[in-house]
Amino acid sequence: MEKQQTFLVIQTAFIGDVILTTALIEKLHQFYPEASIDFLLRKGNETLLQNHPHLREVIVFDKKKKYRNLFLLIKKIRASQYDFVINVQRFATTGIMVMLSKGKVRIGFDKNPLSVFNTKIIRHEVGAIHEVDRNQKLIESLTDSSSAKPRLYPSPSAFERIKIYQIGNYYCIAPTSVWFTKQWPVEKWIELIQSVVNKVDKIYLLGAQSDHSTCERIRAESKISKVINLSGQLSFLESAAIMKGAKMNFVNDSAPMHLASAMNAPVTAIYCSTVPSFGFGPLSDQSFVIATTQKLSCRPCGLHGFKACPQQHFNCAKSISIAQFYTIN
């Protein structure tokens, strides 16, 4: 009897990165439906892949007590003797994991400082290529050159949990970002809400518990009873489930945009300091991109954004007009 093939996919970056890497799970499952696929990620992101139908195990890397936990992880990985270890990350810690993995085939990007220990090194392309296409290069020799779309799988209980909010048509708005220069200003969100409120029955504000105060300010200052602050009340997959049923999801260039893509939910992505050509644009069938129409010599100012506008004017965000949204339902 032929041995079942085993794969380990490693992506220890942030929420959006994990979501986009799920495209590799989809593609591997398509070509190797009987294979066992494991996924290694950083602690805090594991609920994204809860009950994923194509994964055997989600392995969690707790970066607290980093070196002790790294040693334990390497021991676990070595014991599994994977046929294929696929490293999406470009930092040394995951390079060590791969180097010591005992994986028969070890694949990763050339930008990882330990890529020399891989059996297959893939050039990390930059420029006008989407992240899912960039990552697909890692498994192109195992599958083909076309990318799958990222996908998440909220459980039936997650969909049941958000049913109480699905009364009539609604918009979801995820107004925050880790980076100040990737976050459309509060006053702009309020202006948008006031201009679209008559198109739907409810407007839900989404985010983590840490986003609650910002969402509450938007809710209170909009002075519109249809606006409901759900930040901190829903899990990742519950947020994905409610976005799936929305008439439109309005987001920054941040993780909620990728949640929408993974659910093929309608999405309007607002780009302030960054640009879609960095490779992180929306992938839903119904996608819109909103950005300033001004020619700013300072934009884009960085791949990940900054804690404050380097030019101290933030015109890339402030110059986006509400009229740009008028053609979007």
Protein backbone atom coordinates (compact mmCIF):
# COMPACT_ATOMS: atom_id res chain seq x y z
CA MET A 1 0.00 0.00 0.00
CA GLU A 2 1.37 3.40 -1.03
CA LYS A 3 2.41 5.65 1.85
CA GLN A 4 0.19 8.68 2.40
CA GLN A 5 2.16 11.84 1.68
CA THR A 6 2.62 14.43 4.42
CA PHE A 7 3.02 18.19 4.14
CA LEU A 8 3.91 20.90 6.64
CA VAL A 9 3.17 24.54 5.71
CA ILE A 10 4.86 27.18 7.89
CA GLN A 11 3.56 30.75 8.18
CA THR A 12 4.27 32.43 11.53
CA ALA A 13 3.46 36.01 10.49
CA PHE A 14 0.24 37.93 11.15
CA ILE A 15 -3.46 37.27 10.60
CA GLY A 16 -3.66 38.46 7.01
CA ASP A 17 -0.56 36.48 6.05
CA VAL A 18 -2.05 33.28 7.46
CA ILE A 19 -5.33 33.86 5.63
CA LEU A 20 -3.56 34.35 2.30
CA THR A 21 -1.45 31.23 2.89
CA THR A 22 -4.63 29.14 3.10
CA ALA A 23 -4.55 29.28 -0.71
CA LEU A 24 -1.66 26.78 -0.51
CA ILE A 25 -3.80 24.43 1.58
CA GLU A 26 -6.53 24.55 -1.06
CA LYS A 27 -4.09 23.89 -3.88
CA LEU A 28 -2.29 21.04 -2.12
CA HIS A 29 -5.59 19.39 -1.23
CA GLN A 30 -6.73 19.70 -4.84
CA PHE A 31 -3.66 17.81 -6.11
CA TYR A 32 -3.15 15.49 -3.11
CA PRO A 33 -6.63 14.83 -1.71
CA GLU A 34 -5.44 11.87 0.38
CA ALA A 35 -2.39 13.64 1.84
CA SER A 36 -2.04 14.79 5.44
CA ILE A 37 -1.44 18.54 5.64
CA ASP A 38 -0.32 20.29 8.83
CA PHE A 39 0.00 24.06 9.29
CA LEU A 40 2.36 25.82 11.70
CA LEU A 41 1.50 29.35 12.86
CA ARG A 42 2.11 31.75 15.72
CA LYS A 43 0.01 31.60 18.89
CA GLY A 44 -3.08 33.79 18.64
CA ASN A 45 -3.88 32.91 15.04
CA GLU A 46 -4.84 29.27 15.53
CA THR A 47 -8.61 29.90 15.69
CA LEU A 48 -8.51 31.03 12.06
CA LEU A 49 -8.00 27.40 11.05
CA GLN A 50 -10.29 25.81 13.61
CA ASN A 51 -12.01 22.71 12.19
CA HIS A 52 -10.40 23.25 8.79
CA PRO A 53 -11.52 20.27 6.68
CA HIS A 54 -8.23 19.89 4.79
CA LEU A 55 -5.86 20.05 7.75
CA ARG A 56 -4.79 17.18 9.97
CA GLU A 57 -3.22 19.40 12.64
CA VAL A 58 -2.65 23.09 13.40
CA ILE A 59 0.70 23.45 15.19
CA VAL A 60 1.11 26.53 17.37
CA PHE A 61 4.39 28.36 17.94
CA ASP A 62 4.24 30.33 21.19
CA LYS A 63 6.87 33.06 20.86
CA LYS A 64 6.90 33.62 24.60
CA LYS A 65 9.84 31.60 25.92
CA LYS A 66 10.80 31.58 22.26
CA TYR A 67 13.89 29.38 22.30
CA ARG A 68 12.48 26.73 24.62
CA ASN A 69 9.34 26.47 22.52
CA LEU A 70 11.36 26.49 19.31
CA PHE A 71 13.34 23.50 20.57
CA LEU A 72 10.13 21.62 21.42
CA LEU A 73 8.62 22.45 18.03
CA ILE A 74 11.68 21.23 16.15
CA LYS A 75 11.55 17.99 18.11
CA LYS A 76 7.90 17.54 17.13
CA ILE A 77 8.55 18.38 13.48
CA ARG A 78 11.52 15.98 13.26
CA ALA A 79 9.44 13.17 14.71
CA SER A 80 6.84 13.64 11.96
CA GLN A 81 9.44 13.23 9.15
CA TYR A 82 7.37 15.16 6.64
CA ASP A 83 7.68 14.43 2.94
CA PHE A 84 7.41 18.15 2.18
CA VAL A 85 8.15 21.15 4.41
CA ILE A 86 7.03 24.41 2.81
CA ASN A 87 8.19 27.61 4.48
CA VAL A 88 6.36 30.79 3.49
CA GLN A 89 8.18 32.92 6.08
CA ARG A 90 11.43 34.71 5.32
CA PHE A 91 12.95 34.97 8.80
CA ALA A 92 15.68 32.94 10.44
CA THR A 93 13.54 31.28 13.11
CA THR A 94 11.47 29.38 10.55
CA GLY A 95 14.66 28.72 8.59
CA ILE A 96 16.01 26.88 11.62
CA MET A 97 12.80 24.84 11.83
CA VAL A 98 13.12 23.81 8.21
CA MET A 99 16.86 23.14 8.36
CA LEU A 100 16.41 20.74 11.29
CA SER A 101 13.06 19.31 10.19
CA LYS A 102 14.26 16.06 8.59
CA GLY A 103 11.81 16.89 5.81
CA LYS A 104 12.60 14.99 2.61
CA VAL A 105 11.83 18.03 0.45
CA ARG A 106 12.35 21.46 2.03
CA ILE A 107 11.07 24.45 0.07
CA GLY A 108 11.37 28.14 0.89
CA PHE A 109 12.13 31.61 -0.43
CA ASP A 110 15.65 32.78 -1.18
CA LYS A 111 15.20 35.73 1.18
CA ASN A 112 15.24 33.44 4.20
CA PRO A 113 18.81 33.68 5.56
CA LEU A 114 18.94 29.88 5.97
CA SER A 115 17.51 29.06 2.54
CA VAL A 116 20.82 27.42 1.58
CA PHE A 117 19.70 24.41 3.65
CA ASN A 118 16.55 23.94 1.56
CA THR A 119 16.39 21.29 -1.13
CA LYS A 120 14.49 23.78 -3.30
CA ILE A 121 14.97 27.56 -3.21
CA ILE A 122 12.37 29.85 -4.79
CA ARG A 123 13.08 33.44 -5.76
CA HIS A 124 10.90 35.85 -3.79
CA GLU A 125 9.35 38.08 -6.43
CA VAL A 126 8.45 41.68 -5.70
CA GLY A 127 6.44 44.12 -7.77
CA ALA A 128 3.04 43.69 -9.37
CA ILE A 129 2.34 40.14 -8.22
CA HIS A 130 -0.23 39.17 -5.61
CA GLU A 131 0.95 37.43 -2.46
CA VAL A 132 -1.05 34.29 -3.27
CA ASP A 133 0.68 34.08 -6.66
CA ARG A 134 4.04 34.74 -5.00
CA ASN A 135 3.40 31.91 -2.53
CA GLN A 136 2.15 29.59 -5.27
CA LYS A 137 5.67 29.57 -6.68
CA LEU A 138 6.67 27.51 -3.63
CA ILE A 139 4.48 24.58 -4.70
CA GLU A 140 4.36 25.13 -8.45
CA SER A 141 6.58 22.08 -9.07
CA LEU A 142 4.22 19.98 -6.93
CA THR A 143 0.97 21.26 -8.46
CA ASP A 144 0.82 23.75 -11.35
CA SER A 145 1.35 27.46 -11.90
CA SER A 146 -2.19 28.69 -11.21
CA SER A 147 -3.09 29.89 -7.71
CA ALA A 148 -6.04 28.86 -5.62
CA LYS A 149 -7.95 31.45 -3.65
CA PRO A 150 -7.58 31.67 0.13
CA ARG A 151 -10.47 30.15 2.04
CA LEU A 152 -11.70 29.94 5.62
CA TYR A 153 -14.29 27.56 7.03
CA PRO A 154 -16.51 29.00 9.78
CA SER A 155 -18.38 26.22 11.53
CA PRO A 156 -22.18 25.86 11.46
CA SER A 157 -22.17 27.17 15.03
CA ALA A 158 -20.31 30.31 13.89
CA PHE A 159 -23.00 30.99 11.27
CA GLU A 160 -25.68 30.27 13.88
CA ARG A 161 -24.05 32.69 16.32
CA ILE A 162 -24.29 35.64 13.90
CA LYS A 163 -27.81 34.90 12.62
CA ILE A 164 -29.29 37.36 15.12
CA TYR A 165 -27.53 40.18 13.26
CA GLN A 166 -28.63 39.13 9.78
CA ILE A 167 -31.94 40.93 9.71
CA GLY A 168 -32.43 42.66 6.36
CA ASN A 169 -29.54 44.17 4.42
CA TYR A 170 -26.43 45.28 6.25
CA TYR A 171 -22.96 46.69 5.79
CA CYS A 172 -19.90 45.66 7.78
CA ILE A 173 -17.19 48.20 8.49
CA ALA A 174 -13.78 47.27 9.90
CA PRO A 175 -12.35 50.76 10.52
CA THR A 176 -9.04 50.03 12.25
CA SER A 177 -5.53 48.88 11.42
CA VAL A 178 -2.38 48.13 13.38
CA TRP A 179 -0.71 50.92 11.38
CA PHE A 180 -1.90 54.53 11.62
CA THR A 181 -1.06 55.30 7.98
CA LYS A 182 -3.15 52.35 6.76
CA GLN A 183 -6.22 53.43 8.73
CA TRP A 184 -8.75 55.82 7.22
CA PRO A 185 -9.47 58.54 9.83
CA VAL A 186 -12.42 58.26 12.20
CA GLU A 187 -14.08 61.41 10.87
CA LYS A 188 -13.98 59.96 7.36
CA TRP A 189 -15.66 56.73 8.48
CA ILE A 190 -18.38 58.79 10.16
CA GLU A 191 -18.88 60.80 6.97
CA LEU A 192 -19.15 57.59 4.93
CA ILE A 193 -21.68 56.08 7.35
CA GLN A 194 -23.83 59.19 7.21
CA SER A 195 -23.80 59.10 3.40
CA VAL A 196 -24.77 55.41 3.01
CA VAL A 197 -27.00 54.79 6.03
CA ASN A 198 -30.25 54.87 4.02
CA LYS A 199 -29.09 52.00 1.80
CA VAL A 200 -29.22 49.32 4.51
CA ASP A 201 -31.02 48.28 7.69
CA LYS A 202 -27.92 47.92 9.86
CA ILE A 203 -24.24 48.85 9.88
CA TYR A 204 -21.95 46.64 11.97
CA LEU A 205 -18.56 47.81 13.19
CA LEU A 206 -16.08 44.93 13.42
CA GLY A 207 -12.72 44.55 15.14
CA ALA A 208 -10.87 43.11 18.09
CA GLN A 209 -11.40 44.10 21.71
CA SER A 210 -8.51 46.54 21.29
CA ASP A 211 -10.52 48.30 18.57
CA HIS A 212 -13.58 48.79 20.75
CA SER A 213 -12.92 52.40 21.77
CA THR A 214 -12.35 53.52 18.18
CA CYS A 215 -15.49 51.73 16.99
CA GLU A 216 -17.46 53.15 19.90
CA ARG A 217 -16.36 56.66 19.02
CA ILE A 218 -17.50 56.13 15.43
CA ARG A 219 -20.84 54.75 16.61
CA ALA A 220 -21.45 57.55 19.10
CA GLU A 221 -20.36 60.43 16.89
CA SER A 222 -22.29 59.18 13.86
CA LYS A 223 -25.47 59.57 15.95
CA ILE A 224 -27.18 56.85 13.94
CA SER A 225 -29.08 54.10 15.75
CA LYS A 226 -28.52 51.63 12.90
CA VAL A 227 -24.81 51.52 13.73
CA ILE A 228 -23.94 48.60 16.04
CA ASN A 229 -20.51 48.15 17.61
CA LEU A 230 -19.59 44.44 17.53
CA SER A 231 -15.85 44.89 18.07
CA GLY A 232 -14.50 42.40 20.58
CA GLN A 233 -17.69 40.32 20.47
CA LEU A 234 -16.98 38.00 17.54
CA SER A 235 -14.21 35.49 16.84
CA PHE A 236 -12.21 35.57 13.61
CA LEU A 237 -14.45 32.98 12.01
CA GLU A 238 -17.66 34.58 13.30
CA SER A 239 -16.47 37.87 11.79
CA ALA A 240 -15.82 36.05 8.53
CA ALA A 241 -19.32 34.54 8.68
CA ILE A 242 -21.07 37.88 9.18
CA MET A 243 -18.98 39.46 6.39
CA LYS A 244 -20.09 36.68 4.05
CA GLY A 245 -23.70 37.86 4.24
CA ALA A 246 -23.06 41.60 4.07
CA LYS A 247 -24.27 43.76 1.20
CA MET A 248 -20.77 45.28 1.32
CA ASN A 249 -17.75 45.19 3.60
CA PHE A 250 -15.75 48.39 3.95
CA VAL A 251 -12.18 47.83 5.17
CA ASN A 252 -8.67 49.26 5.24
CA ASP A 253 -5.67 47.53 3.71
CA SER A 254 -5.61 45.16 6.67
CA ALA A 255 -6.62 41.70 7.91
CA PRO A 256 -10.43 42.15 7.49
CA MET A 257 -9.86 42.65 3.75
CA HIS A 258 -8.32 39.17 3.64
CA LEU A 259 -11.17 37.77 5.75
CA ALA A 260 -13.54 39.03 3.06
CA SER A 261 -11.40 37.52 0.30
CA ALA A 262 -11.36 34.14 2.07
CA MET A 263 -15.17 34.16 2.18
CA ASN A 264 -15.53 35.61 -1.34
CA ALA A 265 -17.56 38.36 0.34
CA PRO A 266 -18.12 41.72 -1.38
CA VAL A 267 -15.45 44.16 -0.27
CA THR A 268 -14.39 47.76 -0.72
CA ALA A 269 -10.78 48.26 0.34
CA ILE A 270 -9.52 51.73 1.22
CA TYR A 271 -5.82 52.33 0.60
CA CYS A 272 -4.19 55.26 2.35
CA SER A 273 -0.38 55.08 2.47
CA THR A 274 -0.10 51.70 0.71
CA VAL A 275 -1.05 50.51 -2.79
CA PRO A 276 -2.56 47.24 -4.10
CA SER A 277 0.48 46.67 -6.33
CA PHE A 278 2.42 45.65 -3.22
CA GLY A 279 0.60 42.35 -3.69
CA PHE A 280 -2.08 42.46 -1.02
CA GLY A 281 -5.21 43.53 -2.89
CA PRO A 282 -8.73 42.12 -2.40
CA LEU A 283 -9.53 38.85 -4.17
CA SER A 284 -13.32 38.61 -3.87
CA ASP A 285 -15.32 38.41 -7.09
CA GLN A 286 -16.98 41.70 -6.11
CA SER A 287 -14.06 43.92 -5.13
CA PHE A 288 -13.50 47.66 -5.20
CA VAL A 289 -10.41 49.70 -4.40
CA ILE A 290 -10.65 53.28 -3.13
CA ALA A 291 -7.58 55.51 -3.00
CA THR A 292 -6.70 59.16 -3.33
CA THR A 293 -6.90 60.64 -6.81
CA GLN A 294 -4.18 63.15 -5.96
CA LYS A 295 -0.66 62.59 -7.24
CA LEU A 296 1.36 62.50 -4.03
CA SER A 297 5.12 62.19 -4.33
CA CYS A 298 5.25 60.58 -0.86
CA ARG A 299 2.82 57.75 -1.65
CA PRO A 300 3.39 54.89 -1.09
CA CYS A 301 5.61 55.63 1.88
CA GLY A 302 6.16 52.06 3.06
CA LEU A 303 5.05 48.47 2.67
CA HIS A 304 3.51 48.11 6.13
CA GLY A 305 2.66 51.67 7.06
CA PHE A 306 3.83 53.81 9.96
CA LYS A 307 2.63 54.87 13.41
CA ALA A 308 2.35 58.44 12.07
CA CYS A 309 2.46 60.15 8.69
CA PRO A 310 6.15 60.79 7.88
CA GLN A 311 5.15 64.06 6.17
CA GLN A 312 2.77 65.03 9.00
CA HIS A 313 -0.14 65.81 6.65
CA PHE A 314 -1.69 62.35 5.94
CA ASN A 315 -3.13 63.62 2.66
CA CYS A 316 -3.21 60.10 1.22
CA ALA A 317 -6.13 59.43 3.57
CA LYS A 318 -7.68 62.84 4.05
CA SER A 319 -7.98 63.52 0.31
CA ILE A 320 -10.18 60.46 -0.34
CA SER A 321 -13.65 61.85 -1.00
CA ILE A 322 -17.00 60.32 -0.15
CA ALA A 323 -18.06 60.86 -3.76
CA GLN A 324 -15.66 58.03 -4.71
CA PHE A 325 -18.04 55.59 -2.98
CA TYR A 326 -21.23 56.70 -4.78
CA THR A 327 -21.14 53.97 -7.41
CA ILE A 328 -20.74 51.20 -4.80
CA ASN A 329 -23.91 49.54 -3.44
